[in-house]
Structure formats: structure tokens, C-alpha cells
Amino acid sequence: MAETYADAILRLSYTYLKNTHDAQDVCQTVFVKLLAEPREFDTADHERAYILRMAANACKDLLKSPWRKRTCGLDACGEIPAPEAADGSLLAAVERLPAHYRAVIYLYYYEGYQTAEIGQILNVPTATVHTRLARGRAKLRELLGGCDDERTI
């Protein structure tokens, strides 16, 4: 069956998805479904129509999936450079913090999350997030040369 319909499924899938790898994934999905749920068909034409309808539906499901809407290819993501931390900069000081302080500082100041959200992300109580923020700020003060005014950090 795979030898008979694989090319047709790949061609149909490629017209929907414009991506060879996604088309191959759909082809595999269709054959896995056919193996998991075997069916008897009256004619070869009916079998072909059913398999191509399965492929079209699998393509439509993939196109409307939240994962596909929220992600981009590695080629597109590779063009966006990560920020380089210059020596003596605030980002360089944040990178030198222990991981548990660095995570809450980054999420709070760079990503803009609230403390309750950070607690959910890191799976720690909100009070722990507050403590880590305070201790992380204190460590940053030490690393940056000691500033007495808390509002600057």
C-alpha cells in the first residue's frame, strides 16, 4: 500500500504545506493510521480517495495547529542575534549570578513577568521568588561595585 500511495500523498501534502519534511510527516501519519485502523474498500478508486482525504485532513490539522502558528524555522530564527554582554555591563553581571537568582532576575526585568507568574514558571512559591529577587539584587549590587540606593537596580 505504501508503494502505491506514498508519492500521491507526498505530492498532495507538499501542495498544502510547502515543506518536504512536513509532507513526509503527514505521509507517515496517514500510513500509521491505516495500520492502526485497517479498512476494507469496495474498489481501488474508493481506497485512493479515502487515503488522499486522510492526507488532506492531516495537512489541514497541521496547518491550524497552535505549534505551527507559534514557531518559526531555524533559518528565520538564526537571523535574530542573541544580545552580547559587554564586560562590565549589567547583562554581564546578571550572567555571573547563580542560576536560581539569574532566572528570576531575567524573567522579572527582561521578560516583564510578575512574581506570581515567575513562581508558576519555575514551580516555586511566590515568596521564594520575592526572596530570590531581593538576594539577586543584593548580589548584583556587589558585582557592580556597591550602590546603596535600591531603586537603581
N, C-alpha and C. Protein backbone atom coordinates (compact mmCIF):
# COMPACT_ATOMS: atom_id res chain seq x y z
N MET A 1 0.82 -1.19 0.00
CA MET A 1 0.00 0.00 0.00
C MET A 1 0.87 1.26 0.00
N ALA A 2 1.96 1.24 0.77
CA ALA A 2 2.84 2.41 0.84
C ALA A 2 3.46 2.69 -0.52
N GLU A 3 3.86 1.63 -1.23
CA GLU A 3 4.46 1.82 -2.55
C GLU A 3 3.46 2.42 -3.53
N THR A 4 2.20 2.09 -3.36
CA THR A 4 1.18 2.55 -4.29
C THR A 4 0.80 4.01 -4.05
N TYR A 5 0.69 4.42 -2.79
CA TYR A 5 0.12 5.74 -2.50
C TYR A 5 1.10 6.76 -1.93
N ALA A 6 2.31 6.37 -1.62
CA ALA A 6 3.24 7.30 -0.96
C ALA A 6 3.51 8.54 -1.81
N ASP A 7 3.75 8.36 -3.10
CA ASP A 7 4.04 9.52 -3.95
C ASP A 7 2.85 10.47 -4.03
N ALA A 8 1.66 9.93 -4.17
CA ALA A 8 0.47 10.78 -4.26
C ALA A 8 0.25 11.55 -2.94
N ILE A 9 0.46 10.88 -1.82
CA ILE A 9 0.30 11.54 -0.52
C ILE A 9 1.34 12.63 -0.36
N LEU A 10 2.59 12.34 -0.71
CA LEU A 10 3.65 13.34 -0.59
C LEU A 10 3.39 14.56 -1.47
N ARG A 11 2.96 14.32 -2.71
CA ARG A 11 2.67 15.44 -3.61
C ARG A 11 1.51 16.30 -3.08
N LEU A 12 0.46 15.65 -2.64
CA LEU A 12 -0.69 16.38 -2.09
C LEU A 12 -0.29 17.15 -0.84
N SER A 13 0.44 16.51 0.03
CA SER A 13 0.86 17.15 1.28
C SER A 13 1.77 18.34 1.00
N TYR A 14 2.65 18.21 0.02
CA TYR A 14 3.56 19.31 -0.30
C TYR A 14 2.79 20.51 -0.84
N THR A 15 1.72 20.26 -1.59
CA THR A 15 0.95 21.40 -2.10
C THR A 15 0.27 22.16 -0.97
N TYR A 16 -0.09 21.47 0.09
CA TYR A 16 -0.68 22.14 1.25
C TYR A 16 0.38 22.84 2.10
N LEU A 17 1.48 22.14 2.38
CA LEU A 17 2.41 22.56 3.42
C LEU A 17 3.64 23.30 2.92
N LYS A 18 3.99 23.14 1.66
CA LYS A 18 5.17 23.79 1.06
C LYS A 18 6.46 23.44 1.80
N ASN A 19 6.51 22.26 2.38
CA ASN A 19 7.68 21.83 3.14
C ASN A 19 7.80 20.31 3.00
N THR A 20 8.94 19.87 2.52
CA THR A 20 9.14 18.44 2.26
C THR A 20 9.08 17.62 3.54
N HIS A 21 9.70 18.13 4.60
CA HIS A 21 9.73 17.36 5.85
C HIS A 21 8.35 17.22 6.48
N ASP A 22 7.57 18.30 6.44
CA ASP A 22 6.20 18.21 6.96
C ASP A 22 5.36 17.27 6.09
N ALA A 23 5.58 17.30 4.79
CA ALA A 23 4.84 16.39 3.90
C ALA A 23 5.19 14.94 4.21
N GLN A 24 6.45 14.67 4.50
CA GLN A 24 6.85 13.32 4.87
C GLN A 24 6.22 12.90 6.21
N ASP A 25 6.13 13.84 7.13
CA ASP A 25 5.48 13.54 8.41
C ASP A 25 4.01 13.20 8.22
N VAL A 26 3.34 13.93 7.34
CA VAL A 26 1.92 13.65 7.07
C VAL A 26 1.78 12.28 6.41
N CYS A 27 2.67 11.98 5.51
CA CYS A 27 2.64 10.66 4.85
C CYS A 27 2.77 9.55 5.88
N GLN A 28 3.70 9.72 6.77
CA GLN A 28 3.89 8.73 7.83
C GLN A 28 2.65 8.63 8.71
N THR A 29 2.07 9.77 9.06
CA THR A 29 0.87 9.78 9.90
C THR A 29 -0.27 9.03 9.24
N VAL A 30 -0.44 9.25 7.95
CA VAL A 30 -1.52 8.57 7.22
C VAL A 30 -1.33 7.06 7.25
N PHE A 31 -0.11 6.60 7.00
CA PHE A 31 0.13 5.15 6.98
C PHE A 31 0.01 4.54 8.37
N VAL A 32 0.41 5.28 9.39
CA VAL A 32 0.25 4.78 10.76
C VAL A 32 -1.24 4.62 11.09
N LYS A 33 -2.04 5.60 10.69
CA LYS A 33 -3.49 5.49 10.93
C LYS A 33 -4.09 4.32 10.17
N LEU A 34 -3.63 4.11 8.95
CA LEU A 34 -4.14 2.98 8.16
C LEU A 34 -3.76 1.64 8.79
N LEU A 35 -2.57 1.57 9.36
CA LEU A 35 -2.16 0.33 10.02
C LEU A 35 -2.90 0.12 11.34
N ALA A 36 -3.16 1.21 12.04
CA ALA A 36 -3.84 1.11 13.33
C ALA A 36 -5.32 0.78 13.17
N GLU A 37 -5.92 1.27 12.09
CA GLU A 37 -7.35 1.05 11.84
C GLU A 37 -7.54 0.51 10.43
N PRO A 38 -7.27 -0.77 10.19
CA PRO A 38 -7.42 -1.32 8.84
C PRO A 38 -8.88 -1.27 8.37
N ARG A 39 -9.04 -1.03 7.08
CA ARG A 39 -10.38 -0.93 6.49
C ARG A 39 -10.44 -1.76 5.20
N GLU A 40 -11.62 -2.15 4.88
CA GLU A 40 -11.88 -2.84 3.61
C GLU A 40 -12.57 -1.85 2.68
N PHE A 41 -12.14 -1.81 1.42
CA PHE A 41 -12.72 -0.89 0.44
C PHE A 41 -13.34 -1.67 -0.70
N ASP A 42 -14.40 -1.09 -1.26
CA ASP A 42 -15.09 -1.75 -2.36
C ASP A 42 -14.24 -1.76 -3.62
N THR A 43 -13.62 -0.62 -3.92
CA THR A 43 -12.83 -0.52 -5.14
C THR A 43 -11.50 0.18 -4.82
N ALA A 44 -10.58 0.07 -5.78
CA ALA A 44 -9.28 0.74 -5.63
C ALA A 44 -9.45 2.26 -5.67
N ASP A 45 -10.42 2.73 -6.45
CA ASP A 45 -10.68 4.17 -6.52
C ASP A 45 -11.18 4.70 -5.18
N HIS A 46 -12.04 3.92 -4.53
CA HIS A 46 -12.55 4.32 -3.22
C HIS A 46 -11.42 4.36 -2.20
N GLU A 47 -10.53 3.37 -2.25
CA GLU A 47 -9.39 3.32 -1.35
C GLU A 47 -8.48 4.54 -1.56
N ARG A 48 -8.19 4.86 -2.83
CA ARG A 48 -7.33 6.00 -3.15
C ARG A 48 -7.97 7.30 -2.68
N ALA A 49 -9.25 7.48 -2.90
CA ALA A 49 -9.94 8.70 -2.48
C ALA A 49 -9.92 8.83 -0.96
N TYR A 50 -10.13 7.73 -0.27
CA TYR A 50 -10.13 7.76 1.19
C TYR A 50 -8.75 8.13 1.73
N ILE A 51 -7.70 7.54 1.17
CA ILE A 51 -6.35 7.81 1.65
C ILE A 51 -5.96 9.26 1.35
N LEU A 52 -6.30 9.76 0.19
CA LEU A 52 -5.98 11.16 -0.12
C LEU A 52 -6.78 12.13 0.74
N ARG A 53 -8.02 11.77 1.09
CA ARG A 53 -8.80 12.60 2.00
C ARG A 53 -8.17 12.61 3.39
N MET A 54 -7.66 11.46 3.82
CA MET A 54 -6.95 11.41 5.10
C MET A 54 -5.72 12.32 5.08
N ALA A 55 -5.00 12.29 3.98
CA ALA A 55 -3.80 13.14 3.85
C ALA A 55 -4.18 14.62 3.87
N ALA A 56 -5.21 14.98 3.16
CA ALA A 56 -5.65 16.38 3.13
C ALA A 56 -6.09 16.84 4.52
N ASN A 57 -6.82 16.00 5.23
CA ASN A 57 -7.25 16.35 6.58
C ASN A 57 -6.07 16.48 7.53
N ALA A 58 -5.09 15.59 7.40
CA ALA A 58 -3.89 15.67 8.24
C ALA A 58 -3.13 16.95 7.97
N CYS A 59 -3.06 17.36 6.71
CA CYS A 59 -2.40 18.63 6.36
C CYS A 59 -3.14 19.81 6.97
N LYS A 60 -4.45 19.81 6.87
CA LYS A 60 -5.24 20.90 7.44
C LYS A 60 -5.08 20.96 8.96
N ASP A 61 -5.04 19.80 9.60
CA ASP A 61 -4.83 19.77 11.05
C ASP A 61 -3.47 20.36 11.42
N LEU A 62 -2.46 20.01 10.63
CA LEU A 62 -1.12 20.53 10.89
C LEU A 62 -1.07 22.04 10.68
N LEU A 63 -1.73 22.53 9.64
CA LEU A 63 -1.72 23.97 9.36
C LEU A 63 -2.42 24.79 10.43
N LYS A 64 -3.43 24.24 11.06
CA LYS A 64 -4.15 25.01 12.08
C LYS A 64 -3.68 24.71 13.50
N SER A 65 -2.62 23.91 13.64
CA SER A 65 -2.14 23.58 14.98
C SER A 65 -1.47 24.79 15.63
N PRO A 66 -1.66 24.96 16.94
CA PRO A 66 -1.04 26.08 17.64
C PRO A 66 0.49 26.04 17.56
N TRP A 67 1.06 24.86 17.56
CA TRP A 67 2.51 24.73 17.48
C TRP A 67 3.05 25.40 16.22
N ARG A 68 2.40 25.15 15.10
CA ARG A 68 2.87 25.71 13.83
C ARG A 68 2.71 27.22 13.79
N LYS A 69 1.69 27.75 14.45
CA LYS A 69 1.47 29.19 14.45
C LYS A 69 2.48 29.92 15.33
N ARG A 70 3.00 29.26 16.35
CA ARG A 70 3.87 29.92 17.32
C ARG A 70 5.36 29.70 17.07
N THR A 71 5.71 28.89 16.10
CA THR A 71 7.12 28.59 15.87
C THR A 71 7.55 29.07 14.50
N CYS A 72 8.85 29.17 14.33
CA CYS A 72 9.40 29.51 13.02
C CYS A 72 10.55 28.56 12.74
N GLY A 73 10.97 28.51 11.51
CA GLY A 73 12.06 27.64 11.13
C GLY A 73 13.39 28.12 11.68
N LEU A 74 14.37 27.23 11.71
CA LEU A 74 15.68 27.59 12.21
C LEU A 74 16.34 28.66 11.35
N ASP A 75 16.06 28.66 10.06
CA ASP A 75 16.65 29.67 9.18
C ASP A 75 16.19 31.06 9.58
N ALA A 76 14.91 31.22 9.84
CA ALA A 76 14.38 32.53 10.22
C ALA A 76 14.84 32.94 11.61
N CYS A 77 14.91 31.99 12.52
CA CYS A 77 15.32 32.30 13.89
C CYS A 77 16.81 32.57 13.99
N GLY A 78 17.59 32.01 13.10
CA GLY A 78 19.02 32.22 13.12
C GLY A 78 19.42 33.64 12.80
N GLU A 79 18.54 34.39 12.14
CA GLU A 79 18.84 35.77 11.78
C GLU A 79 18.74 36.72 12.96
N ILE A 80 18.06 36.32 14.02
CA ILE A 80 17.89 37.18 15.19
C ILE A 80 19.02 36.88 16.16
N PRO A 81 19.96 37.81 16.32
CA PRO A 81 21.09 37.52 17.20
C PRO A 81 20.73 37.64 18.66
N ALA A 82 21.37 36.84 19.47
CA ALA A 82 21.21 36.95 20.92
C ALA A 82 22.02 38.15 21.38
N PRO A 83 21.58 38.84 22.42
CA PRO A 83 22.33 40.01 22.87
C PRO A 83 23.69 39.60 23.43
N GLU A 84 24.70 40.33 23.03
CA GLU A 84 26.05 40.10 23.52
C GLU A 84 26.25 40.94 24.78
N ALA A 85 26.78 40.35 25.81
CA ALA A 85 27.01 41.05 27.06
C ALA A 85 28.43 41.59 27.08
N ALA A 86 28.56 42.90 27.10
CA ALA A 86 29.88 43.53 27.18
C ALA A 86 30.39 43.41 28.61
N ASP A 87 31.72 43.33 28.77
CA ASP A 87 32.30 43.26 30.12
C ASP A 87 31.94 44.52 30.89
N GLY A 88 31.53 44.34 32.14
CA GLY A 88 31.17 45.47 32.98
C GLY A 88 29.73 45.92 32.81
N SER A 89 28.99 45.31 31.92
CA SER A 89 27.60 45.70 31.71
C SER A 89 26.69 45.00 32.72
N LEU A 90 25.48 45.48 32.81
CA LEU A 90 24.51 44.88 33.72
C LEU A 90 24.20 43.44 33.29
N LEU A 91 24.06 43.22 31.99
CA LEU A 91 23.77 41.86 31.50
C LEU A 91 24.91 40.90 31.84
N ALA A 92 26.14 41.37 31.73
CA ALA A 92 27.28 40.52 32.10
C ALA A 92 27.24 40.18 33.58
N ALA A 93 26.84 41.15 34.41
CA ALA A 93 26.74 40.89 35.85
C ALA A 93 25.61 39.91 36.14
N VAL A 94 24.50 40.03 35.44
CA VAL A 94 23.38 39.10 35.62
C VAL A 94 23.82 37.69 35.23
N GLU A 95 24.61 37.57 34.17
CA GLU A 95 25.07 36.25 33.74
C GLU A 95 26.00 35.61 34.75
N ARG A 96 26.64 36.39 35.60
CA ARG A 96 27.55 35.84 36.60
C ARG A 96 26.83 35.41 37.88
N LEU A 97 25.54 35.73 38.00
CA LEU A 97 24.77 35.33 39.18
C LEU A 97 24.55 33.81 39.18
N PRO A 98 24.32 33.22 40.36
CA PRO A 98 23.92 31.80 40.40
C PRO A 98 22.61 31.60 39.62
N ALA A 99 22.42 30.42 39.10
CA ALA A 99 21.30 30.14 38.19
C ALA A 99 19.94 30.50 38.77
N HIS A 100 19.68 30.21 40.06
CA HIS A 100 18.35 30.46 40.61
C HIS A 100 18.08 31.96 40.76
N TYR A 101 19.11 32.77 41.00
CA TYR A 101 18.92 34.23 41.03
C TYR A 101 18.82 34.78 39.61
N ARG A 102 19.66 34.26 38.75
CA ARG A 102 19.68 34.73 37.36
C ARG A 102 18.32 34.53 36.69
N ALA A 103 17.70 33.39 36.95
CA ALA A 103 16.41 33.09 36.31
C ALA A 103 15.34 34.08 36.73
N VAL A 104 15.21 34.35 38.03
CA VAL A 104 14.14 35.26 38.47
C VAL A 104 14.44 36.70 38.04
N ILE A 105 15.71 37.10 38.08
CA ILE A 105 16.08 38.46 37.63
C ILE A 105 15.76 38.62 36.15
N TYR A 106 16.13 37.63 35.37
CA TYR A 106 15.88 37.70 33.93
C TYR A 106 14.38 37.74 33.63
N LEU A 107 13.63 36.84 34.22
CA LEU A 107 12.19 36.79 33.95
C LEU A 107 11.48 38.06 34.41
N TYR A 108 11.92 38.63 35.52
CA TYR A 108 11.25 39.80 36.08
C TYR A 108 11.60 41.06 35.28
N TYR A 109 12.88 41.30 35.07
CA TYR A 109 13.30 42.56 34.45
C TYR A 109 13.36 42.51 32.92
N TYR A 110 13.81 41.43 32.35
CA TYR A 110 13.98 41.37 30.90
C TYR A 110 12.73 40.91 30.17
N GLU A 111 11.99 39.96 30.77
CA GLU A 111 10.79 39.45 30.12
C GLU A 111 9.51 40.09 30.64
N GLY A 112 9.57 40.76 31.78
CA GLY A 112 8.42 41.50 32.29
C GLY A 112 7.36 40.68 32.99
N TYR A 113 7.71 39.49 33.48
CA TYR A 113 6.73 38.67 34.20
C TYR A 113 6.55 39.19 35.62
N GLN A 114 5.36 38.97 36.16
CA GLN A 114 5.07 39.29 37.55
C GLN A 114 5.60 38.14 38.42
N THR A 115 5.74 38.41 39.71
CA THR A 115 6.32 37.40 40.60
C THR A 115 5.48 36.13 40.68
N ALA A 116 4.18 36.28 40.67
CA ALA A 116 3.31 35.08 40.72
C ALA A 116 3.50 34.24 39.46
N GLU A 117 3.63 34.90 38.30
CA GLU A 117 3.85 34.17 37.05
C GLU A 117 5.21 33.46 37.07
N ILE A 118 6.22 34.14 37.60
CA ILE A 118 7.55 33.53 37.68
C ILE A 118 7.49 32.29 38.57
N GLY A 119 6.75 32.38 39.68
CA GLY A 119 6.58 31.24 40.56
C GLY A 119 5.97 30.05 39.84
N GLN A 120 4.97 30.32 38.98
CA GLN A 120 4.35 29.24 38.22
C GLN A 120 5.32 28.66 37.20
N ILE A 121 6.07 29.53 36.53
CA ILE A 121 7.02 29.07 35.51
C ILE A 121 8.10 28.19 36.13
N LEU A 122 8.64 28.65 37.26
CA LEU A 122 9.75 27.93 37.89
C LEU A 122 9.29 26.88 38.90
N ASN A 123 7.98 26.82 39.12
CA ASN A 123 7.40 25.86 40.05
C ASN A 123 7.94 26.06 41.47
N VAL A 124 7.94 27.33 41.91
CA VAL A 124 8.35 27.68 43.28
C VAL A 124 7.30 28.63 43.84
N PRO A 125 7.18 28.73 45.17
CA PRO A 125 6.22 29.66 45.76
C PRO A 125 6.58 31.11 45.43
N THR A 126 5.57 31.97 45.41
CA THR A 126 5.78 33.39 45.12
C THR A 126 6.72 34.02 46.14
N ALA A 127 6.63 33.62 47.40
CA ALA A 127 7.52 34.16 48.43
C ALA A 127 8.98 33.83 48.11
N THR A 128 9.23 32.66 47.54
CA THR A 128 10.59 32.28 47.15
C THR A 128 11.08 33.18 46.02
N VAL A 129 10.18 33.52 45.10
CA VAL A 129 10.55 34.43 44.01
C VAL A 129 10.95 35.78 44.59
N HIS A 130 10.16 36.29 45.54
CA HIS A 130 10.49 37.58 46.17
C HIS A 130 11.85 37.51 46.86
N THR A 131 12.12 36.44 47.56
CA THR A 131 13.40 36.27 48.25
C THR A 131 14.55 36.23 47.26
N ARG A 132 14.38 35.46 46.19
CA ARG A 132 15.44 35.35 45.20
C ARG A 132 15.68 36.67 44.48
N LEU A 133 14.60 37.43 44.24
CA LEU A 133 14.77 38.75 43.63
C LEU A 133 15.59 39.66 44.54
N ALA A 134 15.24 39.68 45.82
CA ALA A 134 15.96 40.54 46.77
C ALA A 134 17.42 40.13 46.88
N ARG A 135 17.68 38.85 47.01
CA ARG A 135 19.06 38.37 47.12
C ARG A 135 19.82 38.55 45.82
N GLY A 136 19.14 38.37 44.70
CA GLY A 136 19.78 38.59 43.41
C GLY A 136 20.16 40.04 43.21
N ARG A 137 19.27 40.95 43.62
CA ARG A 137 19.59 42.38 43.54
C ARG A 137 20.80 42.72 44.42
N ALA A 138 20.85 42.13 45.62
CA ALA A 138 21.98 42.37 46.52
C ALA A 138 23.28 41.87 45.90
N LYS A 139 23.25 40.70 45.27
CA LYS A 139 24.44 40.17 44.61
C LYS A 139 24.86 41.07 43.45
N LEU A 140 23.87 41.56 42.71
CA LEU A 140 24.18 42.47 41.60
C LEU A 140 24.85 43.74 42.10
N ARG A 141 24.36 44.26 43.22
CA ARG A 141 24.97 45.45 43.81
C ARG A 141 26.45 45.20 44.12
N GLU A 142 26.72 44.03 44.69
CA GLU A 142 28.11 43.68 44.99
C GLU A 142 28.94 43.58 43.72
N LEU A 143 28.39 42.93 42.69
CA LEU A 143 29.13 42.74 41.44
C LEU A 143 29.38 44.05 40.70
N LEU A 144 28.44 44.98 40.83
CA LEU A 144 28.55 46.24 40.10
C LEU A 144 29.27 47.33 40.89
N GLY A 145 29.76 47.01 42.05
CA GLY A 145 30.54 47.98 42.78
C GLY A 145 29.84 48.62 43.94
N GLY A 146 28.72 48.08 44.37
CA GLY A 146 28.05 48.54 45.58
C GLY A 146 27.39 49.89 45.46
N CYS A 147 26.12 49.88 45.27
CA CYS A 147 25.30 51.09 45.23
C CYS A 147 24.30 50.98 46.37
N ASP A 148 24.20 51.98 47.20
CA ASP A 148 23.32 51.92 48.36
C ASP A 148 21.87 52.14 48.01
N ASP A 149 21.59 52.78 46.91
CA ASP A 149 20.22 53.11 46.54
C ASP A 149 19.59 51.93 45.80
N GLU A 150 18.58 51.28 46.41
CA GLU A 150 17.94 50.09 45.85
C GLU A 150 17.17 50.39 44.57
N ARG A 151 16.76 51.63 44.40
CA ARG A 151 15.92 51.94 43.24
C ARG A 151 16.69 51.91 41.93
N THR A 152 18.00 51.93 41.95
CA THR A 152 18.76 51.92 40.70
C THR A 152 18.87 50.53 40.08
N ILE A 153 18.60 49.51 40.87
CA ILE A 153 18.66 48.15 40.31
C ILE A 153 17.28 47.55 40.33
